[in-house]
């Protein structure tokens, strides 16, 4: 069966249906407890929202902008240590 829709079309459709927030907006939502999972991929964000998740967000500029703007980043090991502590 031939592919009838390419990845660019899927991303465009996802972008039209999801909200993309800036790093600053996501940080405010995190502080307010409004969002728990932030994603850089529009398709993943759309899929999770289609599955019923409401606390996911697409970050404008992705992880690169998140880091460049000094937003918090934790490794898996740091998260485990925090839970254990």
N, C-alpha and C. Protein backbone atom coordinates (compact mmCIF):
# COMPACT_ATOMS: atom_id res chain seq x y z
N UNK A 1 0.85 -1.18 0.00
CA UNK A 1 0.00 0.00 0.00
C UNK A 1 0.89 1.24 0.00
N UNK A 2 0.68 2.15 -0.92
CA UNK A 2 1.54 3.33 -0.99
C UNK A 2 1.22 4.34 0.13
N UNK A 3 2.23 5.08 0.51
CA UNK A 3 2.05 6.16 1.48
C UNK A 3 1.31 7.29 0.79
N UNK A 4 0.22 7.73 1.39
CA UNK A 4 -0.58 8.79 0.78
C UNK A 4 -0.42 10.14 1.46
N UNK A 5 0.21 10.13 2.63
CA UNK A 5 0.42 11.38 3.36
C UNK A 5 1.80 11.35 3.98
N UNK A 6 2.61 12.34 3.68
CA UNK A 6 3.97 12.40 4.19
C UNK A 6 4.05 12.98 5.59
N UNK A 7 5.24 12.88 6.16
CA UNK A 7 5.45 13.36 7.53
C UNK A 7 5.22 14.86 7.66
N UNK A 8 5.59 15.62 6.63
CA UNK A 8 5.38 17.08 6.70
C UNK A 8 3.91 17.41 6.78
N UNK A 9 3.07 16.68 6.06
CA UNK A 9 1.63 16.90 6.12
C UNK A 9 1.08 16.54 7.50
N UNK A 10 1.57 15.45 8.07
CA UNK A 10 1.13 15.06 9.40
C UNK A 10 1.51 16.10 10.45
N UNK A 11 2.73 16.62 10.35
CA UNK A 11 3.17 17.66 11.29
C UNK A 11 2.34 18.92 11.12
N UNK A 12 2.06 19.30 9.89
CA UNK A 12 1.23 20.49 9.63
C UNK A 12 -0.16 20.32 10.23
N UNK A 13 -0.75 19.15 10.09
CA UNK A 13 -2.06 18.88 10.67
C UNK A 13 -2.00 18.94 12.20
N UNK A 14 -0.95 18.37 12.77
CA UNK A 14 -0.79 18.41 14.23
C UNK A 14 -0.63 19.84 14.72
N UNK A 15 0.21 20.61 14.03
CA UNK A 15 0.43 22.01 14.42
C UNK A 15 -0.87 22.82 14.39
N UNK A 16 -1.76 22.48 13.47
CA UNK A 16 -3.03 23.20 13.35
C UNK A 16 -3.99 22.85 14.49
N UNK A 17 -3.78 21.70 15.15
CA UNK A 17 -4.71 21.25 16.18
C UNK A 17 -4.21 21.41 17.61
N UNK A 18 -2.92 21.66 17.80
CA UNK A 18 -2.38 21.77 19.14
C UNK A 18 -1.95 23.20 19.42
N UNK A 19 -1.78 23.49 20.68
CA UNK A 19 -1.26 24.80 21.09
C UNK A 19 0.23 24.66 21.31
N UNK A 20 0.97 25.62 20.79
CA UNK A 20 2.41 25.65 21.01
C UNK A 20 2.70 26.81 21.94
N UNK A 21 3.35 26.51 23.06
CA UNK A 21 3.67 27.53 24.06
C UNK A 21 5.15 27.86 24.04
N UNK A 22 5.47 29.08 24.43
CA UNK A 22 6.86 29.49 24.54
C UNK A 22 7.47 28.84 25.79
N UNK A 23 8.77 28.88 25.88
CA UNK A 23 9.46 28.38 27.07
C UNK A 23 8.95 29.10 28.31
N UNK A 24 8.80 30.40 28.24
CA UNK A 24 8.31 31.19 29.38
C UNK A 24 6.91 30.76 29.79
N UNK A 25 6.04 30.54 28.80
CA UNK A 25 4.68 30.10 29.11
C UNK A 25 4.67 28.72 29.76
N UNK A 26 5.51 27.82 29.27
CA UNK A 26 5.57 26.48 29.85
C UNK A 26 6.11 26.53 31.27
N UNK A 27 7.11 27.36 31.52
CA UNK A 27 7.64 27.49 32.88
C UNK A 27 6.56 27.99 33.84
N UNK A 28 5.75 28.94 33.39
CA UNK A 28 4.65 29.45 34.22
C UNK A 28 3.62 28.35 34.48
N UNK A 29 3.31 27.57 33.45
CA UNK A 29 2.35 26.47 33.60
C UNK A 29 2.89 25.40 34.53
N UNK A 30 4.19 25.12 34.46
CA UNK A 30 4.80 24.16 35.38
C UNK A 30 4.71 24.64 36.81
N UNK A 31 5.03 25.92 37.02
CA UNK A 31 4.99 26.50 38.37
C UNK A 31 3.57 26.46 38.94
N UNK A 32 2.58 26.61 38.08
CA UNK A 32 1.18 26.60 38.51
C UNK A 32 0.62 25.18 38.64
N UNK A 33 1.41 24.19 38.21
CA UNK A 33 0.95 22.81 38.25
C UNK A 33 -0.04 22.48 37.14
N UNK A 34 -0.08 23.32 36.12
CA UNK A 34 -1.04 23.16 35.02
C UNK A 34 -0.58 22.18 33.96
N UNK A 35 0.72 21.97 33.87
CA UNK A 35 1.26 21.05 32.87
C UNK A 35 2.31 20.20 33.54
N UNK A 36 2.31 18.93 33.20
CA UNK A 36 3.27 18.03 33.82
C UNK A 36 4.25 17.48 32.81
N UNK A 37 3.80 17.32 31.60
CA UNK A 37 4.63 16.72 30.58
C UNK A 37 4.79 17.71 29.44
N UNK A 38 6.00 18.09 29.14
CA UNK A 38 6.22 19.01 28.03
C UNK A 38 7.00 18.28 26.95
N UNK A 39 6.58 18.49 25.72
CA UNK A 39 7.15 17.75 24.60
C UNK A 39 7.64 18.70 23.53
N UNK A 40 8.56 18.22 22.76
CA UNK A 40 9.06 19.05 21.65
C UNK A 40 8.50 18.61 20.31
N UNK A 41 7.81 17.50 20.27
CA UNK A 41 7.34 16.93 19.03
C UNK A 41 5.83 17.14 18.89
N UNK A 42 5.42 17.85 17.85
CA UNK A 42 4.00 18.15 17.65
C UNK A 42 3.17 16.89 17.44
N UNK A 43 3.71 15.91 16.74
CA UNK A 43 2.95 14.69 16.50
C UNK A 43 2.70 13.92 17.80
N UNK A 44 3.71 13.85 18.66
CA UNK A 44 3.54 13.17 19.93
C UNK A 44 2.55 13.91 20.81
N UNK A 45 2.64 15.23 20.84
CA UNK A 45 1.70 16.04 21.61
C UNK A 45 0.28 15.77 21.15
N UNK A 46 0.06 15.80 19.83
CA UNK A 46 -1.28 15.56 19.29
C UNK A 46 -1.77 14.16 19.63
N UNK A 47 -0.91 13.16 19.50
CA UNK A 47 -1.31 11.78 19.79
C UNK A 47 -1.72 11.64 21.25
N UNK A 48 -0.94 12.21 22.16
CA UNK A 48 -1.28 12.12 23.59
C UNK A 48 -2.58 12.87 23.89
N UNK A 49 -2.79 14.02 23.26
CA UNK A 49 -4.05 14.75 23.46
C UNK A 49 -5.22 13.94 22.90
N UNK A 50 -5.03 13.29 21.76
CA UNK A 50 -6.07 12.44 21.17
C UNK A 50 -6.41 11.27 22.09
N UNK A 51 -5.42 10.84 22.89
CA UNK A 51 -5.63 9.74 23.83
C UNK A 51 -6.27 10.21 25.13
N UNK A 52 -6.50 11.51 25.27
CA UNK A 52 -7.19 12.04 26.44
C UNK A 52 -6.33 12.81 27.42
N UNK A 53 -5.03 12.87 27.20
CA UNK A 53 -4.17 13.64 28.11
C UNK A 53 -4.38 15.12 27.86
N UNK A 54 -4.52 15.87 28.93
CA UNK A 54 -4.74 17.31 28.79
C UNK A 54 -3.57 18.14 29.29
N UNK A 55 -2.65 17.51 30.01
CA UNK A 55 -1.55 18.27 30.61
C UNK A 55 -0.24 18.07 29.86
N UNK A 56 -0.33 18.08 28.53
CA UNK A 56 0.86 18.01 27.70
C UNK A 56 0.96 19.28 26.88
N UNK A 57 2.17 19.65 26.50
CA UNK A 57 2.36 20.89 25.75
C UNK A 57 3.49 20.74 24.75
N UNK A 58 3.36 21.44 23.67
CA UNK A 58 4.40 21.52 22.65
C UNK A 58 5.18 22.80 22.89
N UNK A 59 6.48 22.69 23.00
CA UNK A 59 7.33 23.85 23.31
C UNK A 59 7.86 24.47 22.03
N UNK A 60 7.57 25.74 21.85
CA UNK A 60 8.10 26.47 20.70
C UNK A 60 9.62 26.54 20.81
N UNK A 61 10.30 26.10 19.79
CA UNK A 61 11.76 26.09 19.81
C UNK A 61 12.34 24.81 20.35
N UNK A 62 11.49 23.95 20.90
CA UNK A 62 11.91 22.65 21.37
C UNK A 62 12.87 22.67 22.54
N UNK A 63 13.47 21.54 22.77
CA UNK A 63 14.38 21.36 23.89
C UNK A 63 15.58 22.30 23.80
N UNK A 64 16.01 22.58 22.59
CA UNK A 64 17.16 23.47 22.40
C UNK A 64 16.88 24.84 22.99
N UNK A 65 15.71 25.42 22.68
CA UNK A 65 15.36 26.72 23.25
C UNK A 65 15.17 26.63 24.76
N UNK A 66 14.59 25.50 25.21
CA UNK A 66 14.39 25.30 26.65
C UNK A 66 15.72 25.44 27.38
N UNK A 67 16.74 24.76 26.90
CA UNK A 67 18.06 24.79 27.53
C UNK A 67 18.70 26.16 27.37
N UNK A 68 18.63 26.74 26.17
CA UNK A 68 19.25 28.05 25.91
C UNK A 68 18.65 29.15 26.78
N UNK A 69 17.39 29.00 27.16
CA UNK A 69 16.76 30.03 27.99
C UNK A 69 16.91 29.74 29.48
N UNK A 70 17.69 28.73 29.82
CA UNK A 70 18.00 28.44 31.22
C UNK A 70 16.90 27.75 31.98
N UNK A 71 15.98 27.11 31.28
CA UNK A 71 14.91 26.38 31.96
C UNK A 71 15.49 25.13 32.62
N UNK A 72 14.85 24.65 33.68
CA UNK A 72 15.42 23.52 34.42
C UNK A 72 15.45 22.22 33.61
N UNK A 73 16.54 21.49 33.79
CA UNK A 73 16.72 20.19 33.15
C UNK A 73 17.27 19.25 34.21
N UNK A 74 16.71 18.06 34.29
CA UNK A 74 17.18 17.07 35.25
C UNK A 74 17.38 15.75 34.53
N UNK A 75 18.47 15.07 34.89
CA UNK A 75 18.71 13.75 34.33
C UNK A 75 17.83 12.74 35.07
N UNK A 76 17.70 11.56 34.50
CA UNK A 76 16.94 10.50 35.15
C UNK A 76 17.53 10.18 36.51
N UNK A 77 18.84 10.16 36.59
CA UNK A 77 19.50 9.87 37.86
C UNK A 77 19.17 10.93 38.91
N UNK A 78 19.14 12.20 38.51
CA UNK A 78 18.81 13.27 39.43
C UNK A 78 17.36 13.13 39.92
N UNK A 79 16.47 12.76 39.04
CA UNK A 79 15.07 12.59 39.41
C UNK A 79 14.91 11.42 40.39
N UNK A 80 15.62 10.33 40.12
CA UNK A 80 15.56 9.17 41.03
C UNK A 80 16.10 9.53 42.41
N UNK A 81 17.22 10.26 42.43
CA UNK A 81 17.83 10.66 43.70
C UNK A 81 16.89 11.57 44.48
N UNK A 82 16.20 12.44 43.79
CA UNK A 82 15.26 13.37 44.45
C UNK A 82 14.10 12.58 45.07
N UNK A 83 13.60 11.58 44.34
CA UNK A 83 12.52 10.74 44.86
C UNK A 83 12.97 9.95 46.08
N UNK A 84 14.19 9.43 46.01
CA UNK A 84 14.71 8.60 47.10
C UNK A 84 15.05 9.41 48.33
N UNK A 85 15.41 10.70 48.10
CA UNK A 85 15.89 11.56 49.16
C UNK A 85 14.88 11.98 50.11
